[in-house]
Amino acid sequence: MPENLINADIALNMEGICKSFPGVKALENIDLQLKKGAVHILLGENGAGKSTLVKILSGAHKMTAGRIILNGKQVVIRNPRHATELGIGIIYQELNLIGNLTAAENIYLGREPIKYKFKINDKLIKDWSKKVLDDLGIDIDLECPVKELGIAQQQMIEVAKALSLNANLLIMDEPTSALTETEIKELFLTVKRLKKRGVSIIYISHRMDELLEIGDDVTVLRDGKCVGARLIKNTSRSDLIEMMVGREINEGFTREKLILGKEVLKVENLSRSGYFNDINISLHKGELLGMAGLLGAGRTELARALFGVDSIDSGTIFVHGKLCKQKSPRDAINNRMGFLTEDRKSQGLVMTMTVKENITLPNLDSFSKWGIIDEHKEEMVSDSYSRDLDIKSAGLHQLAVNLSGGNQQKVVLSKWLCSQADVFIFDEPTRGIDVRSKQEFYQLMSDLTNRGVAIIVISSDLPELIRISDRIIVLHQGRITGQFLSSEFNQENILSCALGTHGEA
């Protein structure tokens, strides 16, 4: 395309983009056009090719064929540093932070200001980082090591890091997947400010409501091919879902009326200084208990303590009527508990292990004799769970790292089912998975409770909790501030409890 014919209102043209890996054609003739100062939604199921496309744009992958025209000039993006020099910033769904460094050090890593010719200017780093976070409306302890922050706070550091680069083209890959409604609103305000400054944004998300709210245009991928590009204002939610999956999907999900079974988990006066206080919970066989709350409310910390990951200061835990010390995750596993952590990649799976190895990992004793694993038995059992949960993979020997997010989550669930767990804690179980995978996961949870399994679900997606729960408890600053039966579910009241304002005049 001659340079003088380039539309000045177009920030990016990706034309005929193809990408092949050994034995796999990941992208085939993808076209994407991004307007200046616009939010362009990139939509598709897990495995549709979205991440591959943005990795090409960010310099992490080299395209097999096609061309990229950035601000009117054809470019060949050599590597991530070159992409940054071209004004392209990216916020990956998978966090890319160094845990031992502080929030401020992560934001300006590799770009530290120097004083006295050899010393890093820590004060200036903190000042710059505070300004970026203030623009986002986020308050984070800049001197705290990142590994001690929650995943939502880590996500906001990734956002701040990208914005600190003064990028004029920003890629956001699931930026709200771990954020609360309040944090999402703050992020959207930032996105709108960036648009006014002429920054162009490619936005990937599975949350349909936010796509329709924040997006200007949309391109839909399916199986590595482009199935359509539209203006958001002319497109309905159902249109987008049908384009994604090739057929209509009913997003509704209704829990059957609960018949309470016996009590399987009882928590009395549980406390851990600085995290949660005086927690009392009763969970029954076949019940799905939702746990709502804002960032910092203590939900994940409570889950970790229940599973023996973190210690408690006081209180008691009873599982199946037996007093349990829960000094370690092994104690919890022996008490038939399972824990799907919010960060499945670093805490729920061993990414370099196969599907089979991950499924059987917590229960290896039952597959071994005198220290020798019965691989045939291991294969049969893992194959049974893979078929029951419809894990889509190239086979049991495929590495977990190469699965889509929804299928990774199914592998984690299979792992705990294999361990014979019947009390589950799910922390943000649908984070980062597409609409069809969410429906499948809702159905899996329903099937489990119908079999008598008891589940606690932590989710920052309040409409999701209302849809799937039998009962919801709400945490605010480490204390339970509300409890609602399904007949009492009201989004405003639940949010009011989460904010600590319920009952105020």
Protein backbone atom coordinates (compact mmCIF):
# COMPACT_ATOMS: atom_id res chain seq x y z
CA MET A 1 0.00 0.00 0.00
CA PRO A 2 1.62 3.32 -1.02
CA GLU A 3 2.36 5.47 2.00
CA ASN A 4 0.43 8.46 0.65
CA LEU A 5 -2.74 6.35 0.41
CA ILE A 6 -2.65 5.31 4.05
CA ASN A 7 -5.67 6.50 6.03
CA ALA A 8 -4.34 8.92 8.66
CA ASP A 9 -7.08 7.79 11.06
CA ILE A 10 -5.79 4.22 11.09
CA ALA A 11 -3.15 3.37 13.71
CA LEU A 12 -2.60 -0.23 12.68
CA ASN A 13 -3.27 -2.53 9.74
CA MET A 14 -2.49 -6.23 10.09
CA GLU A 15 -3.01 -7.85 6.69
CA GLY A 16 -3.01 -11.55 5.80
CA ILE A 17 -1.27 -12.58 9.00
CA CYS A 18 -0.36 -16.27 9.13
CA LYS A 19 1.49 -18.19 11.82
CA SER A 20 2.46 -21.85 11.79
CA PHE A 21 4.05 -23.93 14.51
CA PRO A 22 5.34 -27.45 13.89
CA GLY A 23 2.28 -29.42 12.87
CA VAL A 24 -0.14 -26.61 13.70
CA LYS A 25 -1.48 -23.67 11.68
CA ALA A 26 -2.31 -21.22 14.45
CA LEU A 27 -3.38 -18.25 12.27
CA GLU A 28 -4.60 -18.14 8.69
CA ASN A 29 -4.95 -14.85 6.76
CA ILE A 30 -5.97 -12.65 9.67
CA ASP A 31 -6.85 -9.01 8.94
CA LEU A 32 -7.24 -6.43 11.69
CA GLN A 33 -7.62 -2.67 11.39
CA LEU A 34 -7.28 -0.44 14.47
CA LYS A 35 -8.38 3.19 14.41
CA LYS A 36 -6.49 5.89 16.28
CA GLY A 37 -7.97 6.61 19.70
CA ALA A 38 -10.28 3.57 19.52
CA VAL A 39 -10.75 0.41 21.57
CA HIS A 40 -10.77 -2.58 19.22
CA ILE A 41 -12.08 -5.78 20.78
CA LEU A 42 -10.34 -9.01 19.79
CA LEU A 43 -12.76 -11.81 20.58
CA GLY A 44 -12.71 -15.58 20.38
CA GLU A 45 -12.76 -18.74 22.44
CA ASN A 46 -9.67 -20.02 24.23
CA GLY A 47 -7.40 -21.38 21.51
CA ALA A 48 -8.92 -19.24 18.74
CA GLY A 49 -5.60 -17.49 18.06
CA LYS A 50 -5.99 -14.19 19.92
CA SER A 51 -2.86 -14.50 22.05
CA THR A 52 -0.80 -15.68 19.06
CA LEU A 53 -1.87 -12.61 17.08
CA VAL A 54 -0.97 -10.14 19.81
CA LYS A 55 2.33 -11.92 20.46
CA ILE A 56 3.20 -11.27 16.81
CA LEU A 57 2.34 -7.61 17.30
CA SER A 58 4.38 -7.45 20.51
CA GLY A 59 7.43 -9.09 18.90
CA ALA A 60 7.24 -12.31 20.94
CA HIS A 61 6.42 -14.37 17.79
CA LYS A 62 7.46 -13.86 14.18
CA MET A 63 4.67 -14.19 11.64
CA THR A 64 4.93 -16.80 8.89
CA ALA A 65 3.30 -14.52 6.31
CA GLY A 66 1.51 -11.17 6.06
CA ARG A 67 2.44 -7.57 6.80
CA ILE A 68 2.01 -4.98 9.54
CA ILE A 69 1.49 -1.28 8.83
CA LEU A 70 1.92 0.90 11.91
CA ASN A 71 1.03 4.60 11.72
CA GLY A 72 1.26 4.51 7.93
CA LYS A 73 4.58 2.67 7.67
CA GLN A 74 5.19 -1.00 7.05
CA VAL A 75 7.23 -2.50 9.87
CA VAL A 76 8.86 -5.81 10.68
CA ILE A 77 8.76 -6.20 14.44
CA ARG A 78 12.00 -7.91 15.38
CA ASN A 79 11.53 -8.53 19.11
CA PRO A 80 9.67 -7.22 22.19
CA ARG A 81 12.17 -4.39 22.74
CA HIS A 82 11.67 -3.25 19.15
CA ALA A 83 7.89 -3.32 19.68
CA THR A 84 8.34 -1.08 22.73
CA GLU A 85 10.49 1.32 20.71
CA LEU A 86 7.67 1.46 18.13
CA GLY A 87 5.24 2.56 20.88
CA ILE A 88 3.52 -0.79 21.41
CA GLY A 89 2.77 -1.77 25.00
CA ILE A 90 1.20 -5.03 26.14
CA ILE A 91 -0.47 -6.30 29.28
CA TYR A 92 -0.46 -10.09 29.11
CA GLN A 93 -3.07 -12.21 30.84
CA GLU A 94 -0.22 -14.15 32.44
CA LEU A 95 1.61 -11.86 34.84
CA ASN A 96 5.24 -11.06 34.09
CA LEU A 97 6.53 -9.70 37.37
CA ILE A 98 9.54 -10.45 39.60
CA GLY A 99 8.20 -11.45 42.99
CA ASN A 100 11.13 -10.35 45.12
CA LEU A 101 11.14 -6.81 43.71
CA THR A 102 8.79 -4.09 44.96
CA ALA A 103 5.83 -2.79 42.99
CA ALA A 104 7.75 0.36 42.03
CA GLU A 105 10.84 -1.61 40.98
CA ASN A 106 8.70 -3.82 38.74
CA ILE A 107 7.01 -0.86 37.03
CA TYR A 108 10.33 0.69 35.99
CA LEU A 109 12.40 -2.49 35.70
CA GLY A 110 15.13 -2.01 33.09
CA ARG A 111 14.45 1.75 32.91
CA GLU A 112 15.71 2.80 36.33
CA PRO A 113 16.88 6.44 36.69
CA ILE A 114 20.49 6.75 37.88
CA LYS A 115 22.04 9.28 40.22
CA TYR A 116 25.72 9.87 40.94
CA LYS A 117 26.48 7.92 37.72
CA PHE A 118 26.13 4.51 39.35
CA LYS A 119 23.32 4.48 41.95
CA ILE A 120 19.65 3.79 41.17
CA ASN A 121 17.42 6.70 42.18
CA ASP A 122 14.87 4.79 44.30
CA LYS A 123 12.99 7.94 45.31
CA LEU A 124 12.41 8.94 41.71
CA ILE A 125 11.21 5.42 40.85
CA LYS A 126 8.67 5.62 43.67
CA ASP A 127 7.55 9.11 42.65
CA TRP A 128 7.09 8.08 39.00
CA SER A 129 5.29 4.87 39.98
CA LYS A 130 2.98 6.73 42.35
CA LYS A 131 2.00 9.13 39.58
CA VAL A 132 1.13 6.26 37.21
CA LEU A 133 -0.90 4.47 39.89
CA ASP A 134 -2.64 7.71 40.90
CA ASP A 135 -3.71 8.13 37.26
CA LEU A 136 -5.24 4.65 37.53
CA GLY A 137 -6.92 5.51 40.81
CA ILE A 138 -5.15 2.60 42.54
CA ASP A 139 -3.50 2.62 45.97
CA ILE A 140 -0.73 0.00 46.27
CA ASP A 141 2.16 -0.13 48.75
CA LEU A 142 5.02 0.65 46.37
CA GLU A 143 7.64 -0.74 48.77
CA CYS A 144 5.93 -4.12 49.19
CA PRO A 145 7.47 -7.12 47.37
CA VAL A 146 5.13 -8.13 44.56
CA LYS A 147 4.97 -11.76 45.76
CA GLU A 148 3.18 -10.52 48.91
CA LEU A 149 0.45 -8.77 46.90
CA GLY A 150 -2.79 -10.35 45.70
CA ILE A 151 -3.22 -11.25 42.06
CA ALA A 152 -5.56 -8.30 41.43
CA GLN A 153 -2.93 -5.89 42.74
CA GLN A 154 -0.29 -7.60 40.61
CA GLN A 155 -2.54 -7.15 37.57
CA MET A 156 -2.76 -3.41 38.26
CA ILE A 157 1.03 -3.24 38.45
CA GLU A 158 1.15 -4.78 34.96
CA VAL A 159 -1.28 -2.12 33.75
CA ALA A 160 0.82 0.63 35.35
CA LYS A 161 4.02 -0.79 33.84
CA ALA A 162 2.55 -0.70 30.33
CA LEU A 163 1.16 2.80 30.75
CA SER A 164 4.50 4.06 32.08
CA LEU A 165 6.01 3.30 28.65
CA ASN A 166 3.88 6.06 27.09
CA ALA A 167 2.72 3.61 24.45
CA ASN A 168 0.47 4.94 21.68
CA LEU A 169 -0.78 1.42 20.92
CA LEU A 170 -1.73 -0.62 23.97
CA ILE A 171 -2.68 -4.30 23.98
CA MET A 172 -4.75 -5.43 26.97
CA ASP A 173 -5.08 -9.21 27.27
CA GLU A 174 -7.72 -9.99 29.92
CA PRO A 175 -6.79 -6.94 32.05
CA THR A 176 -9.87 -7.24 34.29
CA SER A 177 -9.85 -11.00 34.85
CA ALA A 178 -8.83 -10.62 38.51
CA LEU A 179 -10.32 -7.19 39.24
CA THR A 180 -13.38 -6.25 41.26
CA GLU A 181 -16.22 -4.16 39.84
CA THR A 182 -14.83 -1.03 41.51
CA GLU A 183 -11.35 -1.64 40.05
CA ILE A 184 -12.82 -2.34 36.61
CA LYS A 185 -14.62 1.01 36.67
CA GLU A 186 -11.35 2.76 37.55
CA LEU A 187 -9.57 0.95 34.73
CA PHE A 188 -12.30 1.94 32.27
CA LEU A 189 -11.94 5.58 33.30
CA THR A 190 -8.23 5.26 32.52
CA VAL A 191 -9.01 3.65 29.16
CA LYS A 192 -11.29 6.56 28.29
CA ARG A 193 -8.59 9.07 29.26
CA LEU A 194 -6.11 7.20 27.07
CA LYS A 195 -8.54 7.32 24.13
CA LYS A 196 -8.83 11.09 24.47
CA ARG A 197 -5.03 11.30 24.26
CA GLY A 198 -5.17 9.37 20.98
CA VAL A 199 -3.92 6.04 22.36
CA SER A 200 -5.25 3.06 20.38
CA ILE A 201 -6.13 -0.09 22.30
CA ILE A 202 -6.57 -3.74 21.37
CA TYR A 203 -8.66 -5.26 24.14
CA ILE A 204 -9.12 -8.98 24.79
CA SER A 205 -11.70 -10.20 27.29
CA HIS A 206 -14.29 -12.91 27.78
CA ARG A 207 -16.59 -10.64 29.80
CA MET A 208 -19.29 -9.71 27.32
CA ASP A 209 -20.75 -6.85 29.33
CA GLU A 210 -17.48 -4.95 29.50
CA LEU A 211 -16.78 -5.49 25.79
CA LEU A 212 -20.05 -3.85 24.85
CA GLU A 213 -19.37 -1.00 27.30
CA ILE A 214 -15.76 -0.18 26.40
CA GLY A 215 -15.35 -1.27 22.77
CA ASP A 216 -15.69 0.65 19.49
CA ASP A 217 -14.99 -2.15 17.00
CA VAL A 218 -14.67 -5.91 17.21
CA THR A 219 -12.84 -8.63 15.28
CA VAL A 220 -13.85 -12.23 16.00
CA LEU A 221 -11.48 -15.18 15.59
CA ARG A 222 -12.44 -18.84 15.46
CA ASP A 223 -10.01 -21.73 14.97
CA GLY A 224 -7.26 -19.37 13.83
CA LYS A 225 -9.38 -17.62 11.20
CA CYS A 226 -11.17 -14.28 11.11
CA VAL A 227 -14.94 -14.82 11.03
CA GLY A 228 -15.95 -11.16 10.99
CA ALA A 229 -15.29 -7.54 11.97
CA ARG A 230 -18.05 -5.17 13.08
CA LEU A 231 -18.87 -1.94 14.87
CA ILE A 232 -19.79 -2.69 18.47
CA LYS A 233 -22.80 -0.38 18.35
CA ASN A 234 -24.30 -2.51 15.57
CA THR A 235 -23.64 -5.84 17.29
CA SER A 236 -25.54 -7.65 20.02
CA ARG A 237 -24.20 -9.91 22.73
CA SER A 238 -25.83 -12.97 21.15
CA ASP A 239 -24.34 -12.06 17.75
CA LEU A 240 -20.85 -12.04 19.24
CA ILE A 241 -21.31 -15.37 21.02
CA GLU A 242 -22.65 -17.03 17.88
CA MET A 243 -19.71 -15.68 15.85
CA MET A 244 -17.29 -17.03 18.47
CA VAL A 245 -18.62 -20.56 18.72
CA GLY A 246 -20.43 -21.00 15.41
CA ARG A 247 -23.77 -21.57 17.08
CA GLU A 248 -26.10 -19.99 19.60
CA ILE A 249 -25.35 -20.54 23.29
CA ASN A 250 -27.77 -19.97 26.13
CA GLU A 251 -25.85 -18.02 28.78
CA GLY A 252 -28.48 -18.62 31.41
CA PHE A 253 -27.71 -21.03 34.23
CA THR A 254 -30.12 -21.88 37.02
CA ARG A 255 -29.28 -23.87 40.12
CA GLU A 256 -31.76 -26.52 41.11
CA LYS A 257 -33.44 -26.06 44.49
CA LEU A 258 -31.05 -27.15 47.24
CA ILE A 259 -31.90 -29.92 49.67
CA LEU A 260 -29.38 -29.52 52.49
CA GLY A 261 -27.34 -32.58 53.42
CA LYS A 262 -25.30 -33.07 56.54
CA GLU A 263 -22.70 -30.52 57.61
CA VAL A 264 -19.30 -31.34 56.05
CA LEU A 265 -17.27 -28.25 56.98
CA LYS A 266 -17.60 -26.12 60.10
CA VAL A 267 -15.40 -23.13 60.88
CA GLU A 268 -15.61 -21.48 64.28
CA ASN A 269 -14.05 -18.14 65.27
CA LEU A 270 -11.20 -18.47 62.77
CA SER A 271 -8.69 -15.60 62.85
CA ARG A 272 -5.34 -14.70 61.33
CA SER A 273 -3.92 -11.35 62.32
CA GLY A 274 -4.00 -8.79 59.55
CA TYR A 275 -6.10 -10.95 57.22
CA PHE A 276 -9.39 -12.18 58.73
CA ASN A 277 -11.13 -12.21 62.11
CA ASP A 278 -13.74 -14.32 63.88
CA ILE A 279 -14.90 -16.23 60.79
CA ASN A 280 -17.79 -18.68 61.24
CA ILE A 281 -18.89 -20.85 58.31
CA SER A 282 -21.12 -23.90 57.99
CA LEU A 283 -21.05 -25.81 54.68
CA HIS A 284 -23.35 -28.73 53.89
CA LYS A 285 -23.23 -31.71 51.58
CA GLY A 286 -24.38 -30.73 48.08
CA GLU A 287 -24.21 -26.98 48.81
CA LEU A 288 -22.51 -24.33 46.68
CA LEU A 289 -21.57 -21.43 48.94
CA GLY A 290 -20.52 -18.21 47.24
CA MET A 291 -17.99 -15.88 48.86
CA ALA A 292 -18.13 -12.23 47.79
CA GLY A 293 -15.94 -9.27 48.71
CA LEU A 294 -13.62 -6.62 47.33
CA LEU A 295 -9.85 -6.77 46.91
CA GLY A 296 -8.23 -7.09 50.32
CA ALA A 297 -11.35 -8.44 52.01
CA GLY A 298 -9.49 -11.59 53.05
CA ARG A 299 -11.26 -14.17 50.84
CA THR A 300 -8.17 -15.78 49.31
CA GLU A 301 -6.30 -15.63 52.62
CA LEU A 302 -9.21 -17.43 54.31
CA ALA A 303 -9.25 -20.09 51.58
CA ARG A 304 -5.50 -20.65 51.96
CA ALA A 305 -5.89 -21.06 55.73
CA LEU A 306 -8.77 -23.53 55.32
CA PHE A 307 -6.57 -25.63 53.05
CA GLY A 308 -3.57 -25.49 55.36
CA VAL A 309 -1.38 -23.30 53.14
CA ASP A 310 -1.22 -20.52 55.76
CA SER A 311 -1.38 -20.82 59.54
CA ILE A 312 -4.15 -19.47 61.77
CA ASP A 313 -3.86 -17.67 65.10
CA SER A 314 -7.06 -19.01 66.63
CA GLY A 315 -10.27 -20.85 65.87
CA THR A 316 -11.24 -24.38 64.88
CA ILE A 317 -11.95 -26.26 61.65
CA PHE A 318 -14.12 -29.38 61.53
CA VAL A 319 -14.23 -31.53 58.38
CA HIS A 320 -16.82 -34.31 58.29
CA GLY A 321 -17.38 -33.72 62.01
CA LYS A 322 -13.72 -34.24 62.92
CA LEU A 323 -11.55 -31.50 64.43
CA CYS A 324 -8.73 -30.85 61.93
CA LYS A 325 -5.50 -28.99 62.54
CA GLN A 326 -4.87 -28.35 58.80
CA LYS A 327 -1.18 -27.60 59.37
CA SER A 328 -0.38 -28.25 55.72
CA PRO A 329 -2.11 -28.90 52.37
CA ARG A 330 -1.33 -32.60 52.87
CA ASP A 331 -3.56 -32.56 55.96
CA ALA A 332 -6.35 -30.98 53.90
CA ILE A 333 -5.94 -33.54 51.11
CA ASN A 334 -6.08 -36.37 53.67
CA ASN A 335 -9.34 -34.82 54.90
CA ARG A 336 -10.72 -35.06 51.32
CA MET A 337 -10.47 -31.36 50.53
CA GLY A 338 -9.47 -29.83 47.20
CA PHE A 339 -8.38 -26.26 46.40
CA LEU A 340 -8.51 -24.65 42.95
CA THR A 341 -6.29 -21.61 43.45
CA GLU A 342 -6.92 -18.30 41.68
CA ASP A 343 -3.57 -18.59 39.88
CA ARG A 344 -3.91 -22.03 38.31
CA LYS A 345 -0.68 -21.75 36.30
CA SER A 346 1.77 -21.17 39.15
CA GLN A 347 -0.15 -22.80 42.02
CA GLY A 348 -2.61 -25.28 40.50
CA LEU A 349 -0.57 -27.00 37.79
CA VAL A 350 2.96 -28.04 36.99
CA MET A 351 3.03 -26.53 33.52
CA THR A 352 5.93 -28.66 32.29
CA MET A 353 4.13 -31.87 33.26
CA THR A 354 1.62 -33.71 31.10
CA VAL A 355 -2.14 -33.83 31.53
CA LYS A 356 -1.82 -37.34 32.99
CA GLU A 357 0.92 -36.39 35.44
CA ASN A 358 -1.00 -33.36 36.72
CA ILE A 359 -4.20 -35.33 37.24
CA THR A 360 -2.55 -38.03 39.34
CA LEU A 361 0.00 -35.83 41.16
CA PRO A 362 -1.78 -35.40 44.58
CA ASN A 363 -2.65 -39.09 44.73
CA LEU A 364 0.52 -40.86 43.58
CA ASP A 365 0.46 -43.23 46.57
CA SER A 366 -2.55 -45.00 45.07
CA PHE A 367 -0.66 -45.54 41.78
CA SER A 368 2.59 -46.82 43.22
CA LYS A 369 3.97 -49.81 45.06
CA TRP A 370 7.40 -49.84 46.69
CA GLY A 371 8.06 -46.48 45.06
CA ILE A 372 7.32 -47.69 41.52
CA ILE A 373 4.42 -46.00 39.69
CA ASP A 374 1.95 -48.26 37.88
CA GLU A 375 1.84 -46.26 34.66
CA HIS A 376 -0.92 -48.38 33.13
CA LYS A 377 -3.24 -47.72 36.10
CA GLU A 378 -2.24 -44.05 36.08
CA GLU A 379 -3.10 -43.84 32.37
CA MET A 380 -6.49 -45.55 32.78
CA VAL A 381 -7.58 -43.33 35.67
CA SER A 382 -6.42 -40.06 34.11
CA ASP A 383 -8.06 -41.04 30.81
CA SER A 384 -11.34 -41.62 32.65
CA TYR A 385 -11.28 -38.14 34.22
CA SER A 386 -10.20 -36.58 30.93
CA ARG A 387 -13.23 -38.10 29.19
CA ASP A 388 -15.66 -37.34 32.03
CA LEU A 389 -14.68 -33.66 32.07
CA ASP A 390 -14.22 -33.46 28.28
CA ILE A 391 -10.66 -32.12 28.48
CA LYS A 392 -9.75 -31.07 24.95
CA SER A 393 -6.11 -31.94 24.34
CA ALA A 394 -3.84 -33.74 21.92
CA GLY A 395 -3.75 -36.58 24.45
CA LEU A 396 -2.82 -37.39 28.03
CA HIS A 397 0.85 -36.75 27.23
CA GLN A 398 0.28 -33.16 26.11
CA LEU A 399 1.98 -30.62 28.37
CA ALA A 400 -0.34 -28.52 30.54
CA VAL A 401 1.31 -25.32 29.28
CA ASN A 402 -0.11 -25.97 25.79
CA LEU A 403 -3.75 -26.27 26.89
CA SER A 404 -6.31 -23.47 26.74
CA GLY A 405 -7.31 -21.79 30.01
CA GLY A 406 -10.62 -23.63 30.28
CA ASN A 407 -8.97 -27.02 29.76
CA GLN A 408 -6.22 -26.21 32.24
CA GLN A 409 -8.93 -25.52 34.80
CA LYS A 410 -10.52 -28.88 34.03
CA VAL A 411 -7.18 -30.60 34.61
CA VAL A 412 -6.93 -28.93 38.04
CA LEU A 413 -10.46 -30.10 38.86
CA SER A 414 -9.65 -33.63 37.64
CA LYS A 415 -6.61 -33.64 39.93
CA TRP A 416 -8.73 -33.04 43.01
CA LEU A 417 -11.49 -35.42 41.93
CA CYS A 418 -8.81 -38.07 41.51
CA SER A 419 -7.76 -37.44 45.11
CA GLN A 420 -11.35 -38.31 46.15
CA ALA A 421 -12.00 -34.79 47.48
CA ASP A 422 -15.59 -34.03 48.43
CA VAL A 423 -15.12 -30.53 49.88
CA PHE A 424 -13.86 -28.01 47.33
CA ILE A 425 -12.69 -24.42 47.49
CA PHE A 426 -12.71 -22.70 44.08
CA ASP A 427 -10.92 -19.32 43.99
CA GLU A 428 -11.92 -17.36 40.86
CA PRO A 429 -12.60 -20.61 38.90
CA THR A 430 -13.75 -18.94 35.66
CA ARG A 431 -11.06 -16.27 35.53
CA GLY A 432 -9.71 -15.94 31.99
CA ILE A 433 -11.88 -18.60 30.33
CA ASP A 434 -14.34 -18.10 27.51
CA VAL A 435 -18.13 -18.08 27.61
CA ARG A 436 -18.59 -21.70 26.49
CA SER A 437 -15.98 -22.96 28.98
CA LYS A 438 -17.72 -20.99 31.73
CA GLN A 439 -21.03 -22.71 30.97
CA GLU A 440 -19.30 -26.07 31.02
CA PHE A 441 -17.67 -25.25 34.35
CA TYR A 442 -20.97 -24.10 35.88
CA GLN A 443 -22.50 -27.41 34.82
CA LEU A 444 -19.55 -29.35 36.25
CA MET A 445 -19.99 -27.62 39.61
CA SER A 446 -23.72 -28.36 39.52
CA ASP A 447 -23.07 -32.01 38.71
CA LEU A 448 -20.60 -32.24 41.59
CA THR A 449 -23.06 -30.81 44.12
CA ASN A 450 -25.75 -33.15 42.81
CA ARG A 451 -23.37 -35.99 43.73
CA GLY A 452 -23.06 -34.60 47.25
CA VAL A 453 -19.83 -32.62 46.87
CA ALA A 454 -19.76 -29.33 48.85
CA ILE A 455 -18.18 -26.28 47.21
CA ILE A 456 -17.07 -22.82 48.31
CA VAL A 457 -16.69 -20.47 45.32
CA ILE A 458 -14.81 -17.18 45.56
CA SER A 459 -15.55 -14.85 42.65
CA SER A 460 -15.17 -11.14 41.92
CA ASP A 461 -17.93 -11.51 39.31
CA LEU A 462 -21.00 -10.80 41.46
CA PRO A 463 -23.60 -11.70 38.78
CA GLU A 464 -21.80 -15.04 38.41
CA LEU A 465 -21.99 -15.73 42.15
CA ILE A 466 -25.69 -14.86 42.20
CA ARG A 467 -26.30 -17.19 39.24
CA ILE A 468 -24.55 -20.27 40.63
CA SER A 469 -24.75 -20.08 44.45
CA ASP A 470 -27.20 -21.54 46.95
CA ARG A 471 -26.05 -19.08 49.58
CA ILE A 472 -23.60 -16.15 49.62
CA ILE A 473 -21.46 -14.82 52.47
CA VAL A 474 -19.77 -11.42 52.14
CA LEU A 475 -16.41 -10.37 53.57
CA HIS A 476 -15.25 -6.82 54.27
CA GLN A 477 -11.85 -6.11 55.84
CA GLY A 478 -11.52 -9.68 57.05
CA ARG A 479 -14.94 -10.01 58.65
CA ILE A 480 -18.22 -11.51 57.48
CA THR A 481 -20.59 -8.57 57.00
CA GLY A 482 -23.51 -10.31 55.35
CA GLN A 483 -25.10 -13.64 54.51
CA PHE A 484 -27.81 -14.16 51.91
CA LEU A 485 -30.00 -17.12 50.96
CA SER A 486 -30.80 -17.52 47.26
CA SER A 487 -34.27 -16.03 47.81
CA GLU A 488 -32.60 -12.90 49.25
CA PHE A 489 -29.98 -12.34 46.52
CA ASN A 490 -29.77 -8.68 45.62
CA GLN A 491 -26.70 -7.27 43.89
CA GLU A 492 -26.98 -3.86 45.55
CA ASN A 493 -27.27 -5.30 49.07
CA ILE A 494 -24.40 -7.74 48.54
CA LEU A 495 -22.17 -4.98 47.19
CA SER A 496 -23.16 -2.74 50.10
CA CYS A 497 -21.96 -5.46 52.52
CA ALA A 498 -18.73 -5.80 50.52
CA LEU A 499 -18.17 -2.06 50.90
CA GLY A 500 -19.01 -2.17 54.62
CA THR A 501 -21.92 0.24 54.20
CA HIS A 502 -24.89 -2.13 54.56
CA GLY A 503 -27.46 -0.79 56.99
CA GLU A 504 -26.09 2.75 56.94
CA ALA A 505 -28.62 5.55 56.51
